[in-house]
Amino acid sequence: MSKTSNSSDILYQSTRGGTKGVAFRDIVFSSYAPDGGLYVPEKIPIVTRETLQQWSVLSFPKLCAKILSLFVDSEIRANLDEICSSAFEHFHHSEIVPVKKVGPLFVTEAFHGPTLAFKDIGLSVCRIMYHLNFFFKKKKKDLNKIS
């Protein structure tokens, strides 16, 4: 596994403590760390109040891209807008997950996906991971062609 990364990239460690300093591009291909733990960031990124304010006007796919950019390698950040947009392209509402005010409450409508169920949101994250996996495999093939 790669232990090197850009200084701005977050590294991951196992929840069981046996593996540290692993790059996102390596964990995206694995289910578990070698010690059986799950991968978690070594450091949690700080999001300021100002950043949250700026993000509050973004579309759902753009917001996803901004959040994911805090956790992925720098080499794929430029592609996140496109990846996240395509992950949610089959939703039937322009806001993807609209928030409605119902009396004193705010309610999310999580049923605008292809199967009309809340699980479509989670499955869209799987689609994002599929795109990232494809990106890394393509890059590996391109590197193999060069060598």
N, C-alpha and C. Protein backbone atom coordinates (compact mmCIF):
# COMPACT_ATOMS: atom_id res chain seq x y z
N MET A 1 0.84 -1.19 0.00
CA MET A 1 0.00 0.00 0.00
C MET A 1 0.87 1.24 0.00
N SER A 2 0.40 2.25 -0.66
CA SER A 2 1.15 3.48 -0.77
C SER A 2 1.12 4.27 0.53
N LYS A 3 2.29 4.64 0.99
CA LYS A 3 2.38 5.44 2.20
C LYS A 3 2.75 6.88 1.85
N THR A 4 2.89 7.17 0.57
CA THR A 4 3.24 8.53 0.18
C THR A 4 2.02 9.22 -0.40
N SER A 5 1.96 10.52 -0.18
CA SER A 5 0.85 11.29 -0.73
C SER A 5 1.24 12.75 -0.75
N ASN A 6 0.43 13.54 -1.40
CA ASN A 6 0.59 14.98 -1.39
C ASN A 6 0.41 15.47 0.04
N SER A 7 1.12 16.51 0.42
CA SER A 7 1.03 17.00 1.80
C SER A 7 -0.37 17.46 2.17
N SER A 8 -1.21 17.79 1.19
CA SER A 8 -2.57 18.23 1.49
C SER A 8 -3.56 17.06 1.55
N ASP A 9 -3.10 15.86 1.23
CA ASP A 9 -3.98 14.70 1.25
C ASP A 9 -4.13 14.16 2.67
N ILE A 10 -5.33 13.72 2.97
CA ILE A 10 -5.59 13.08 4.26
C ILE A 10 -5.15 11.63 4.16
N LEU A 11 -4.51 11.15 5.20
CA LEU A 11 -4.12 9.75 5.27
C LEU A 11 -5.09 9.03 6.20
N TYR A 12 -5.17 7.72 6.02
CA TYR A 12 -6.12 6.91 6.76
C TYR A 12 -5.41 5.89 7.63
N GLN A 13 -6.10 5.47 8.69
CA GLN A 13 -5.58 4.45 9.59
C GLN A 13 -6.69 3.46 9.92
N SER A 14 -6.28 2.31 10.41
CA SER A 14 -7.24 1.29 10.79
C SER A 14 -7.83 1.60 12.17
N THR A 15 -9.08 1.25 12.35
CA THR A 15 -9.72 1.42 13.66
C THR A 15 -9.09 0.50 14.69
N ARG A 16 -8.36 -0.50 14.25
CA ARG A 16 -7.69 -1.42 15.19
C ARG A 16 -6.24 -1.05 15.44
N GLY A 17 -5.76 0.01 14.79
CA GLY A 17 -4.43 0.52 15.08
C GLY A 17 -3.27 -0.16 14.38
N GLY A 18 -3.51 -1.17 13.58
CA GLY A 18 -2.42 -1.90 12.95
C GLY A 18 -1.89 -1.28 11.67
N THR A 19 -2.63 -0.39 11.07
CA THR A 19 -2.25 0.21 9.80
C THR A 19 -2.43 1.71 9.89
N LYS A 20 -1.40 2.47 9.46
CA LYS A 20 -1.48 3.93 9.48
C LYS A 20 -0.86 4.49 8.21
N GLY A 21 -1.22 5.73 7.89
CA GLY A 21 -0.59 6.43 6.78
C GLY A 21 -0.95 5.91 5.40
N VAL A 22 -2.18 5.45 5.22
CA VAL A 22 -2.59 4.88 3.94
C VAL A 22 -3.35 5.93 3.13
N ALA A 23 -3.02 6.05 1.86
CA ALA A 23 -3.65 7.03 0.98
C ALA A 23 -5.05 6.58 0.55
N PHE A 24 -5.89 7.53 0.24
CA PHE A 24 -7.26 7.24 -0.19
C PHE A 24 -7.29 6.31 -1.40
N ARG A 25 -6.40 6.54 -2.35
CA ARG A 25 -6.39 5.72 -3.57
C ARG A 25 -6.17 4.24 -3.26
N ASP A 26 -5.59 3.95 -2.10
CA ASP A 26 -5.38 2.56 -1.70
C ASP A 26 -6.57 2.00 -0.93
N ILE A 27 -7.22 2.81 -0.13
CA ILE A 27 -8.35 2.29 0.64
C ILE A 27 -9.61 2.14 -0.19
N VAL A 28 -9.71 2.89 -1.29
CA VAL A 28 -10.91 2.81 -2.12
C VAL A 28 -11.03 1.41 -2.75
N PHE A 29 -9.94 0.69 -2.85
CA PHE A 29 -9.95 -0.66 -3.42
C PHE A 29 -10.13 -1.76 -2.38
N SER A 30 -10.04 -1.43 -1.10
CA SER A 30 -10.08 -2.48 -0.09
C SER A 30 -11.30 -2.35 0.81
N SER A 31 -11.79 -3.47 1.26
CA SER A 31 -12.94 -3.46 2.17
C SER A 31 -12.50 -3.16 3.59
N TYR A 32 -11.44 -3.83 4.03
CA TYR A 32 -10.96 -3.70 5.40
C TYR A 32 -9.45 -3.50 5.39
N ALA A 33 -8.95 -2.97 6.49
CA ALA A 33 -7.50 -2.89 6.69
C ALA A 33 -6.97 -4.31 6.91
N PRO A 34 -5.69 -4.53 6.71
CA PRO A 34 -5.13 -5.88 6.90
C PRO A 34 -5.38 -6.46 8.30
N ASP A 35 -5.53 -5.60 9.30
CA ASP A 35 -5.78 -6.08 10.67
C ASP A 35 -7.27 -6.31 10.95
N GLY A 36 -8.12 -6.17 9.91
CA GLY A 36 -9.55 -6.39 10.06
C GLY A 36 -10.35 -5.16 10.46
N GLY A 37 -9.66 -4.06 10.70
CA GLY A 37 -10.35 -2.82 11.07
C GLY A 37 -10.88 -2.08 9.86
N LEU A 38 -11.61 -1.03 10.12
CA LEU A 38 -12.10 -0.14 9.07
C LEU A 38 -11.15 1.04 8.96
N TYR A 39 -11.07 1.61 7.78
CA TYR A 39 -10.23 2.79 7.60
C TYR A 39 -10.98 4.05 8.00
N VAL A 40 -10.31 4.90 8.76
CA VAL A 40 -10.83 6.21 9.15
C VAL A 40 -9.73 7.24 8.94
N PRO A 41 -10.10 8.50 8.72
CA PRO A 41 -9.06 9.53 8.55
C PRO A 41 -8.20 9.65 9.81
N GLU A 42 -6.90 9.88 9.61
CA GLU A 42 -6.02 10.12 10.76
C GLU A 42 -6.35 11.45 11.42
N LYS A 43 -6.78 12.41 10.61
CA LYS A 43 -7.19 13.72 11.12
C LYS A 43 -8.52 14.09 10.47
N ILE A 44 -9.39 14.69 11.25
CA ILE A 44 -10.68 15.14 10.71
C ILE A 44 -10.51 16.58 10.22
N PRO A 45 -10.86 16.84 8.96
CA PRO A 45 -10.74 18.21 8.45
C PRO A 45 -11.64 19.18 9.21
N ILE A 46 -11.18 20.39 9.38
CA ILE A 46 -11.97 21.43 10.04
C ILE A 46 -12.69 22.23 8.97
N VAL A 47 -13.99 22.39 9.16
CA VAL A 47 -14.80 23.20 8.25
C VAL A 47 -15.26 24.41 9.06
N THR A 48 -14.88 25.58 8.60
CA THR A 48 -15.21 26.80 9.34
C THR A 48 -16.66 27.22 9.10
N ARG A 49 -17.12 28.08 9.95
CA ARG A 49 -18.47 28.64 9.81
C ARG A 49 -18.60 29.37 8.47
N GLU A 50 -17.54 30.07 8.08
CA GLU A 50 -17.55 30.79 6.80
C GLU A 50 -17.68 29.83 5.62
N THR A 51 -16.97 28.72 5.71
CA THR A 51 -17.05 27.71 4.65
C THR A 51 -18.46 27.12 4.58
N LEU A 52 -19.03 26.82 5.74
CA LEU A 52 -20.41 26.30 5.76
C LEU A 52 -21.37 27.30 5.13
N GLN A 53 -21.16 28.57 5.41
CA GLN A 53 -22.01 29.62 4.83
C GLN A 53 -21.88 29.62 3.31
N GLN A 54 -20.65 29.51 2.81
CA GLN A 54 -20.42 29.47 1.36
C GLN A 54 -21.06 28.22 0.74
N TRP A 55 -20.98 27.11 1.42
CA TRP A 55 -21.53 25.86 0.91
C TRP A 55 -23.05 25.84 0.95
N SER A 56 -23.66 26.66 1.76
CA SER A 56 -25.12 26.61 1.95
C SER A 56 -25.90 26.92 0.68
N VAL A 57 -25.28 27.54 -0.30
CA VAL A 57 -25.98 27.88 -1.54
C VAL A 57 -25.67 26.90 -2.68
N LEU A 58 -24.86 25.90 -2.41
CA LEU A 58 -24.46 24.96 -3.46
C LEU A 58 -25.56 23.94 -3.76
N SER A 59 -25.54 23.43 -4.96
CA SER A 59 -26.44 22.31 -5.30
C SER A 59 -25.97 21.08 -4.53
N PHE A 60 -26.84 20.08 -4.42
CA PHE A 60 -26.50 18.86 -3.69
C PHE A 60 -25.25 18.18 -4.26
N PRO A 61 -25.15 17.98 -5.58
CA PRO A 61 -23.94 17.35 -6.12
C PRO A 61 -22.67 18.17 -5.86
N LYS A 62 -22.77 19.49 -5.97
CA LYS A 62 -21.60 20.33 -5.71
C LYS A 62 -21.21 20.29 -4.23
N LEU A 63 -22.21 20.23 -3.35
CA LEU A 63 -21.93 20.11 -1.92
C LEU A 63 -21.23 18.77 -1.64
N CYS A 64 -21.71 17.71 -2.25
CA CYS A 64 -21.06 16.40 -2.08
C CYS A 64 -19.61 16.46 -2.54
N ALA A 65 -19.37 17.11 -3.67
CA ALA A 65 -18.01 17.23 -4.18
C ALA A 65 -17.12 18.00 -3.21
N LYS A 66 -17.64 19.08 -2.64
CA LYS A 66 -16.87 19.87 -1.67
C LYS A 66 -16.52 19.04 -0.45
N ILE A 67 -17.50 18.30 0.07
CA ILE A 67 -17.25 17.47 1.26
C ILE A 67 -16.27 16.36 0.93
N LEU A 68 -16.49 15.66 -0.18
CA LEU A 68 -15.58 14.57 -0.57
C LEU A 68 -14.16 15.08 -0.82
N SER A 69 -14.03 16.30 -1.32
CA SER A 69 -12.70 16.84 -1.61
C SER A 69 -11.83 16.93 -0.35
N LEU A 70 -12.47 16.96 0.81
CA LEU A 70 -11.72 16.99 2.06
C LEU A 70 -11.09 15.64 2.39
N PHE A 71 -11.58 14.57 1.76
CA PHE A 71 -11.18 13.22 2.13
C PHE A 71 -10.47 12.43 1.04
N VAL A 72 -10.42 12.95 -0.18
CA VAL A 72 -9.83 12.19 -1.29
C VAL A 72 -8.47 12.77 -1.66
N ASP A 73 -7.73 12.02 -2.47
CA ASP A 73 -6.42 12.47 -2.92
C ASP A 73 -6.54 13.67 -3.85
N SER A 74 -5.52 14.50 -3.83
CA SER A 74 -5.52 15.72 -4.64
C SER A 74 -5.66 15.43 -6.13
N GLU A 75 -5.17 14.27 -6.57
CA GLU A 75 -5.20 13.96 -8.00
C GLU A 75 -6.61 13.80 -8.57
N ILE A 76 -7.61 13.56 -7.73
CA ILE A 76 -8.97 13.39 -8.25
C ILE A 76 -9.90 14.55 -7.92
N ARG A 77 -9.43 15.51 -7.15
CA ARG A 77 -10.31 16.63 -6.76
C ARG A 77 -10.88 17.37 -7.97
N ALA A 78 -10.11 17.50 -9.02
CA ALA A 78 -10.56 18.22 -10.21
C ALA A 78 -11.73 17.52 -10.90
N ASN A 79 -11.89 16.22 -10.67
CA ASN A 79 -12.94 15.45 -11.33
C ASN A 79 -14.19 15.27 -10.47
N LEU A 80 -14.16 15.73 -9.23
CA LEU A 80 -15.27 15.45 -8.32
C LEU A 80 -16.59 16.08 -8.74
N ASP A 81 -16.58 17.29 -9.27
CA ASP A 81 -17.84 17.91 -9.70
C ASP A 81 -18.55 17.04 -10.73
N GLU A 82 -17.79 16.58 -11.70
CA GLU A 82 -18.36 15.73 -12.76
C GLU A 82 -18.82 14.38 -12.20
N ILE A 83 -18.01 13.78 -11.35
CA ILE A 83 -18.35 12.48 -10.76
C ILE A 83 -19.62 12.59 -9.93
N CYS A 84 -19.71 13.61 -9.08
CA CYS A 84 -20.88 13.76 -8.22
C CYS A 84 -22.13 14.11 -9.02
N SER A 85 -21.98 14.92 -10.05
CA SER A 85 -23.14 15.25 -10.90
C SER A 85 -23.69 13.99 -11.57
N SER A 86 -22.80 13.16 -12.09
CA SER A 86 -23.28 11.95 -12.76
C SER A 86 -23.87 10.95 -11.77
N ALA A 87 -23.41 10.96 -10.53
CA ALA A 87 -23.94 10.03 -9.52
C ALA A 87 -25.40 10.32 -9.19
N PHE A 88 -25.81 11.57 -9.33
CA PHE A 88 -27.18 11.95 -8.98
C PHE A 88 -28.04 12.30 -10.19
N GLU A 89 -27.58 11.97 -11.40
CA GLU A 89 -28.29 12.39 -12.61
C GLU A 89 -29.65 11.73 -12.79
N HIS A 90 -29.92 10.62 -12.10
CA HIS A 90 -31.20 9.93 -12.27
C HIS A 90 -32.23 10.32 -11.22
N PHE A 91 -31.93 11.34 -10.44
CA PHE A 91 -32.91 11.82 -9.46
C PHE A 91 -33.94 12.69 -10.18
N HIS A 92 -35.17 12.65 -9.70
CA HIS A 92 -36.29 13.30 -10.39
C HIS A 92 -36.58 14.70 -9.88
N HIS A 93 -35.72 15.25 -9.06
CA HIS A 93 -35.91 16.60 -8.54
C HIS A 93 -34.60 17.36 -8.69
N SER A 94 -34.67 18.59 -9.14
CA SER A 94 -33.44 19.35 -9.39
C SER A 94 -32.60 19.55 -8.14
N GLU A 95 -33.24 19.55 -6.97
CA GLU A 95 -32.49 19.73 -5.72
C GLU A 95 -31.98 18.41 -5.15
N ILE A 96 -32.24 17.31 -5.77
CA ILE A 96 -31.88 15.95 -5.35
C ILE A 96 -32.59 15.58 -4.04
N VAL A 97 -32.27 16.27 -2.95
CA VAL A 97 -32.90 16.02 -1.65
C VAL A 97 -33.45 17.35 -1.13
N PRO A 98 -34.63 17.75 -1.61
CA PRO A 98 -35.17 19.04 -1.17
C PRO A 98 -35.53 19.02 0.32
N VAL A 99 -35.41 20.18 0.94
CA VAL A 99 -35.79 20.34 2.34
C VAL A 99 -37.03 21.22 2.37
N LYS A 100 -38.08 20.73 3.02
CA LYS A 100 -39.35 21.45 3.10
C LYS A 100 -39.65 21.80 4.56
N LYS A 101 -40.21 22.98 4.76
CA LYS A 101 -40.64 23.38 6.10
C LYS A 101 -42.07 22.92 6.30
N VAL A 102 -42.28 22.14 7.34
CA VAL A 102 -43.60 21.63 7.70
C VAL A 102 -43.86 22.08 9.14
N GLY A 103 -44.63 23.15 9.28
CA GLY A 103 -44.83 23.72 10.61
C GLY A 103 -43.50 24.18 11.16
N PRO A 104 -43.15 23.78 12.38
CA PRO A 104 -41.87 24.20 12.95
C PRO A 104 -40.70 23.29 12.54
N LEU A 105 -40.97 22.26 11.75
CA LEU A 105 -39.95 21.28 11.39
C LEU A 105 -39.45 21.48 9.96
N PHE A 106 -38.24 21.01 9.72
CA PHE A 106 -37.70 20.94 8.37
C PHE A 106 -37.56 19.46 8.02
N VAL A 107 -38.12 19.06 6.88
CA VAL A 107 -38.17 17.66 6.49
C VAL A 107 -37.46 17.49 5.15
N THR A 108 -36.62 16.46 5.06
CA THR A 108 -35.97 16.17 3.78
C THR A 108 -36.82 15.19 2.99
N GLU A 109 -36.94 15.46 1.72
CA GLU A 109 -37.64 14.54 0.81
C GLU A 109 -36.58 13.66 0.17
N ALA A 110 -36.42 12.48 0.71
CA ALA A 110 -35.37 11.57 0.25
C ALA A 110 -35.91 10.51 -0.69
N PHE A 111 -36.96 10.84 -1.43
CA PHE A 111 -37.61 9.84 -2.28
C PHE A 111 -37.62 10.23 -3.75
N HIS A 112 -36.70 11.08 -4.16
CA HIS A 112 -36.69 11.53 -5.56
C HIS A 112 -35.70 10.76 -6.43
N GLY A 113 -35.15 9.66 -5.92
CA GLY A 113 -34.20 8.86 -6.69
C GLY A 113 -34.89 7.89 -7.62
N PRO A 114 -34.12 7.10 -8.33
CA PRO A 114 -34.68 6.18 -9.33
C PRO A 114 -35.66 5.15 -8.78
N THR A 115 -35.48 4.70 -7.52
CA THR A 115 -36.40 3.71 -6.95
C THR A 115 -37.39 4.35 -5.98
N LEU A 116 -37.36 5.67 -5.88
CA LEU A 116 -38.26 6.43 -5.02
C LEU A 116 -38.09 6.08 -3.53
N ALA A 117 -36.90 5.64 -3.15
CA ALA A 117 -36.62 5.28 -1.76
C ALA A 117 -35.39 6.04 -1.26
N PHE A 118 -35.31 6.24 0.05
CA PHE A 118 -34.20 6.97 0.64
C PHE A 118 -32.85 6.30 0.34
N LYS A 119 -32.85 5.00 0.10
CA LYS A 119 -31.60 4.27 -0.13
C LYS A 119 -30.89 4.73 -1.40
N ASP A 120 -31.61 5.40 -2.29
CA ASP A 120 -30.98 5.89 -3.52
C ASP A 120 -29.85 6.86 -3.22
N ILE A 121 -29.97 7.60 -2.13
CA ILE A 121 -28.91 8.55 -1.76
C ILE A 121 -27.64 7.78 -1.43
N GLY A 122 -27.75 6.76 -0.59
CA GLY A 122 -26.60 5.94 -0.23
C GLY A 122 -26.02 5.20 -1.42
N LEU A 123 -26.88 4.71 -2.28
CA LEU A 123 -26.40 4.00 -3.47
C LEU A 123 -25.70 4.95 -4.43
N SER A 124 -26.06 6.21 -4.40
CA SER A 124 -25.37 7.19 -5.24
C SER A 124 -23.93 7.36 -4.77
N VAL A 125 -23.70 7.24 -3.47
CA VAL A 125 -22.33 7.27 -2.95
C VAL A 125 -21.56 6.08 -3.49
N CYS A 126 -22.21 4.92 -3.58
CA CYS A 126 -21.57 3.75 -4.19
C CYS A 126 -21.21 4.04 -5.64
N ARG A 127 -22.08 4.75 -6.31
CA ARG A 127 -21.80 5.11 -7.71
C ARG A 127 -20.59 6.04 -7.79
N ILE A 128 -20.47 6.95 -6.83
CA ILE A 128 -19.30 7.83 -6.78
C ILE A 128 -18.04 6.98 -6.60
N MET A 129 -18.10 6.01 -5.69
CA MET A 129 -16.95 5.13 -5.46
C MET A 129 -16.62 4.32 -6.71
N TYR A 130 -17.64 3.90 -7.45
CA TYR A 130 -17.41 3.18 -8.70
C TYR A 130 -16.64 4.07 -9.67
N HIS A 131 -17.05 5.32 -9.79
CA HIS A 131 -16.35 6.25 -10.68
C HIS A 131 -14.90 6.45 -10.24
N LEU A 132 -14.67 6.56 -8.93
CA LEU A 132 -13.31 6.73 -8.43
C LEU A 132 -12.48 5.49 -8.72
N ASN A 133 -13.08 4.33 -8.53
CA ASN A 133 -12.41 3.07 -8.83
C ASN A 133 -12.03 3.03 -10.30
N PHE A 134 -12.97 3.40 -11.17
CA PHE A 134 -12.72 3.45 -12.61
C PHE A 134 -11.58 4.41 -12.91
N PHE A 135 -11.59 5.58 -12.26
CA PHE A 135 -10.55 6.59 -12.46
C PHE A 135 -9.18 6.01 -12.14
N PHE A 136 -9.07 5.34 -11.00
CA PHE A 136 -7.77 4.81 -10.60
C PHE A 136 -7.33 3.65 -11.49
N LYS A 137 -8.27 2.80 -11.90
CA LYS A 137 -7.91 1.69 -12.79
C LYS A 137 -7.45 2.23 -14.13
N LYS A 138 -8.14 3.24 -14.65
CA LYS A 138 -7.76 3.85 -15.92
C LYS A 138 -6.36 4.45 -15.80
N LYS A 139 -6.13 5.14 -14.71
CA LYS A 139 -4.83 5.76 -14.50
C LYS A 139 -3.74 4.69 -14.44
N LYS A 140 -4.03 3.57 -13.77
CA LYS A 140 -3.06 2.48 -13.68
C LYS A 140 -2.78 1.91 -15.06
N LYS A 141 -3.83 1.72 -15.89
CA LYS A 141 -3.63 1.22 -17.26
C LYS A 141 -2.78 2.20 -18.05
N ASP A 142 -3.08 3.50 -17.90
CA ASP A 142 -2.30 4.51 -18.61
C ASP A 142 -0.83 4.46 -18.20
N LEU A 143 -0.58 4.25 -16.91
CA LEU A 143 0.79 4.15 -16.43
C LEU A 143 1.46 2.89 -16.96
N ASN A 144 0.70 1.80 -17.07
CA ASN A 144 1.26 0.56 -17.61
C ASN A 144 1.63 0.72 -19.08
N LYS A 145 0.85 1.52 -19.83
CA LYS A 145 1.16 1.76 -21.25
C LYS A 145 2.47 2.51 -21.39
N ILE A 146 2.74 3.42 -20.45
CA ILE A 146 3.95 4.24 -20.50
C ILE A 146 5.18 3.39 -20.19
N SER A 147 5.05 2.48 -19.22
CA SER A 147 6.24 1.72 -18.78
C SER A 147 6.58 0.55 -19.65
